Amino acid sequence: MAEKIERIPVAPEVVFYHDAGTYTIVVELPGVHKKDIEFEVMENGFCLTAPRDDIVYRGCWALMLKTIPEKATATFSNGLFKAIIPLAERVAGVKVSIK
């Protein structure tokens, strides 16, 4: 009978940013296999789970801008996960001068 492995949950190192039309999400997942990554995108956030031998990277993050989850794309190479999620509306800010 196979022994169930208890993995310690760990929040991965995540960087996410946006430009006028997309969010870019980059997550460090060393030791993980692409087939084991679960990535779910909602209109205002995303969740990721990625187990490896001893731990499981896991977390959910809120996004301030509304996205189009159905058009999200994701890649994984050399321990680095990257997702691009289009924004529902283009973002334009106003530059403020600093005195």
C-alpha atoms as a PDB file:
ATOM      1  CA  MET A   1       0.000   0.000   0.000  1.00  0.00           C
ATOM      2  CA  ALA A   2       1.390   3.396  -1.006  1.00  0.00           C
ATOM      3  CA  GLU A   3       2.296   5.703   1.836  1.00  0.00           C
ATOM      4  CA  LYS A   4       0.639   9.131   1.696  1.00  0.00           C
ATOM      5  CA  ILE A   5       3.217  11.907   1.624  1.00  0.00           C
ATOM      6  CA  GLU A   6       2.495  14.943   3.784  1.00  0.00           C
ATOM      7  CA  ARG A   7       3.852  18.003   2.058  1.00  0.00           C
ATOM      8  CA  ILE A   8       4.472  21.253   3.876  1.00  0.00           C
ATOM      9  CA  PRO A   9       2.471  24.124   2.291  1.00  0.00           C
ATOM     10  CA  VAL A  10       4.681  27.016   1.188  1.00  0.00           C
ATOM     11  CA  ALA A  11       3.736  30.340  -0.421  1.00  0.00           C
ATOM     12  CA  PRO A  12       5.857  30.675  -3.577  1.00  0.00           C
ATOM     13  CA  GLU A  13       7.794  33.760  -4.614  1.00  0.00           C
ATOM     14  CA  VAL A  14       5.408  35.673  -6.910  1.00  0.00           C
ATOM     15  CA  VAL A  15       5.839  38.863  -8.903  1.00  0.00           C
ATOM     16  CA  PHE A  16       2.908  40.333 -10.772  1.00  0.00           C
ATOM     17  CA  TYR A  17       2.524  43.611 -12.575  1.00  0.00           C
ATOM     18  CA  HIS A  18       0.404  45.167 -15.306  1.00  0.00           C
ATOM     19  CA  ASP A  19       0.725  47.463 -18.250  1.00  0.00           C
ATOM     20  CA  ALA A  20      -2.153  49.187 -20.050  1.00  0.00           C
ATOM     21  CA  GLY A  21      -3.646  45.910 -21.302  1.00  0.00           C
ATOM     22  CA  THR A  22      -2.379  42.834 -19.420  1.00  0.00           C
ATOM     23  CA  TYR A  23      -1.270  41.402 -16.089  1.00  0.00           C
ATOM     24  CA  THR A  24       1.969  39.433 -16.114  1.00  0.00           C
ATOM     25  CA  ILE A  25       2.466  36.892 -13.325  1.00  0.00           C
ATOM     26  CA  VAL A  26       5.819  35.222 -12.661  1.00  0.00           C
ATOM     27  CA  VAL A  27       6.168  32.478 -10.029  1.00  0.00           C
ATOM     28  CA  GLU A  28       9.323  30.633  -8.951  1.00  0.00           C
ATOM     29  CA  LEU A  29       8.548  26.899  -8.676  1.00  0.00           C
ATOM     30  CA  PRO A  30      11.876  25.046  -8.333  1.00  0.00           C
ATOM     31  CA  GLY A  31      11.649  21.252  -8.381  1.00  0.00           C
ATOM     32  CA  VAL A  32       8.084  21.199  -9.769  1.00  0.00           C
ATOM     33  CA  HIS A  33       6.914  19.317 -12.869  1.00  0.00           C
ATOM     34  CA  LYS A  34       4.722  21.175 -15.371  1.00  0.00           C
ATOM     35  CA  LYS A  35       2.072  18.419 -15.306  1.00  0.00           C
ATOM     36  CA  ASP A  36       1.541  18.957 -11.557  1.00  0.00           C
ATOM     37  CA  ILE A  37       0.810  22.714 -11.695  1.00  0.00           C
ATOM     38  CA  GLU A  38      -2.792  23.827 -11.175  1.00  0.00           C
ATOM     39  CA  PHE A  39      -3.504  27.435 -12.124  1.00  0.00           C
ATOM     40  CA  GLU A  40      -6.949  29.015 -11.871  1.00  0.00           C
ATOM     41  CA  VAL A  41      -7.805  32.568 -12.921  1.00  0.00           C
ATOM     42  CA  MET A  42     -10.873  34.510 -11.835  1.00  0.00           C
ATOM     43  CA  GLU A  43     -11.911  38.026 -12.878  1.00  0.00           C
ATOM     44  CA  ASN A  44     -10.186  39.570  -9.847  1.00  0.00           C
ATOM     45  CA  GLY A  45      -7.581  37.033  -8.781  1.00  0.00           C
ATOM     46  CA  PHE A  46      -5.753  33.776  -9.310  1.00  0.00           C
ATOM     47  CA  CYS A  47      -4.822  30.620  -7.388  1.00  0.00           C
ATOM     48  CA  LEU A  48      -1.867  28.313  -7.929  1.00  0.00           C
ATOM     49  CA  THR A  49      -0.964  24.906  -6.507  1.00  0.00           C
ATOM     50  CA  ALA A  50       2.238  23.077  -7.431  1.00  0.00           C
ATOM     51  CA  PRO A  51       3.486  20.057  -5.438  1.00  0.00           C
ATOM     52  CA  ARG A  52       7.016  18.705  -5.415  1.00  0.00           C
ATOM     53  CA  ASP A  53       8.543  15.869  -3.379  1.00  0.00           C
ATOM     54  CA  ASP A  54       8.712  17.569   0.020  1.00  0.00           C
ATOM     55  CA  ILE A  55       6.489  20.672  -0.145  1.00  0.00           C
ATOM     56  CA  VAL A  56       3.506  22.068  -2.005  1.00  0.00           C
ATOM     57  CA  TYR A  57       3.580  25.623  -3.311  1.00  0.00           C
ATOM     58  CA  ARG A  58       0.125  27.065  -2.775  1.00  0.00           C
ATOM     59  CA  GLY A  59      -1.573  30.436  -2.710  1.00  0.00           C
ATOM     60  CA  CYS A  60      -4.321  32.725  -3.964  1.00  0.00           C
ATOM     61  CA  TRP A  61      -3.835  36.383  -4.811  1.00  0.00           C
ATOM     62  CA  ALA A  62      -6.259  39.241  -5.450  1.00  0.00           C
ATOM     63  CA  LEU A  63      -5.855  41.518  -8.456  1.00  0.00           C
ATOM     64  CA  MET A  64      -7.067  45.109  -8.326  1.00  0.00           C
ATOM     65  CA  LEU A  65      -8.085  45.235 -11.986  1.00  0.00           C
ATOM     66  CA  LYS A  66     -10.723  43.057 -13.661  1.00  0.00           C
ATOM     67  CA  THR A  67      -9.332  40.467 -16.098  1.00  0.00           C
ATOM     68  CA  ILE A  68     -10.573  38.204 -18.894  1.00  0.00           C
ATOM     69  CA  PRO A  69      -9.774  34.728 -17.455  1.00  0.00           C
ATOM     70  CA  GLU A  70     -10.773  32.850 -20.636  1.00  0.00           C
ATOM     71  CA  LYS A  71      -7.944  34.533 -22.571  1.00  0.00           C
ATOM     72  CA  ALA A  72      -5.163  33.812 -20.063  1.00  0.00           C
ATOM     73  CA  THR A  73      -2.041  31.987 -21.260  1.00  0.00           C
ATOM     74  CA  ALA A  74       0.645  30.258 -19.202  1.00  0.00           C
ATOM     75  CA  THR A  75       4.091  28.739 -19.720  1.00  0.00           C
ATOM     76  CA  PHE A  76       6.541  26.846 -17.509  1.00  0.00           C
ATOM     77  CA  SER A  77      10.269  26.435 -18.121  1.00  0.00           C
ATOM     78  CA  ASN A  78      13.278  25.799 -15.865  1.00  0.00           C
ATOM     79  CA  GLY A  79      11.288  26.259 -12.645  1.00  0.00           C
ATOM     80  CA  LEU A  80       9.720  29.542 -13.740  1.00  0.00           C
ATOM     81  CA  PHE A  81       5.952  29.797 -14.298  1.00  0.00           C
ATOM     82  CA  LYS A  82       4.684  32.768 -16.299  1.00  0.00           C
ATOM     83  CA  ALA A  83       1.088  33.766 -17.064  1.00  0.00           C
ATOM     84  CA  ILE A  84      -0.294  36.604 -19.155  1.00  0.00           C
ATOM     85  CA  ILE A  85      -3.879  37.674 -18.418  1.00  0.00           C
ATOM     86  CA  PRO A  86      -5.615  40.365 -20.495  1.00  0.00           C
ATOM     87  CA  LEU A  87      -7.330  43.182 -18.625  1.00  0.00           C
ATOM     88  CA  ALA A  88     -11.064  43.686 -19.172  1.00  0.00           C
ATOM     89  CA  GLU A  89     -10.448  47.412 -19.693  1.00  0.00           C
ATOM     90  CA  ARG A  90      -7.319  49.274 -20.693  1.00  0.00           C
ATOM     91  CA  VAL A  91      -5.725  51.230 -17.865  1.00  0.00           C
ATOM     92  CA  ALA A  92      -4.641  54.833 -18.209  1.00  0.00           C
ATOM     93  CA  GLY A  93      -3.354  56.860 -15.293  1.00  0.00           C
ATOM     94  CA  VAL A  94      -2.606  60.495 -14.717  1.00  0.00           C
ATOM     95  CA  LYS A  95       0.994  61.474 -14.006  1.00  0.00           C
ATOM     96  CA  VAL A  96       1.387  63.587 -10.891  1.00  0.00           C
ATOM     97  CA  SER A  97       4.363  65.902 -10.548  1.00  0.00           C
ATOM     98  CA  ILE A  98       6.384  65.511  -7.390  1.00  0.00           C
ATOM     99  CA  LYS A  99       7.427  68.696  -5.622  1.00  0.00           C
END
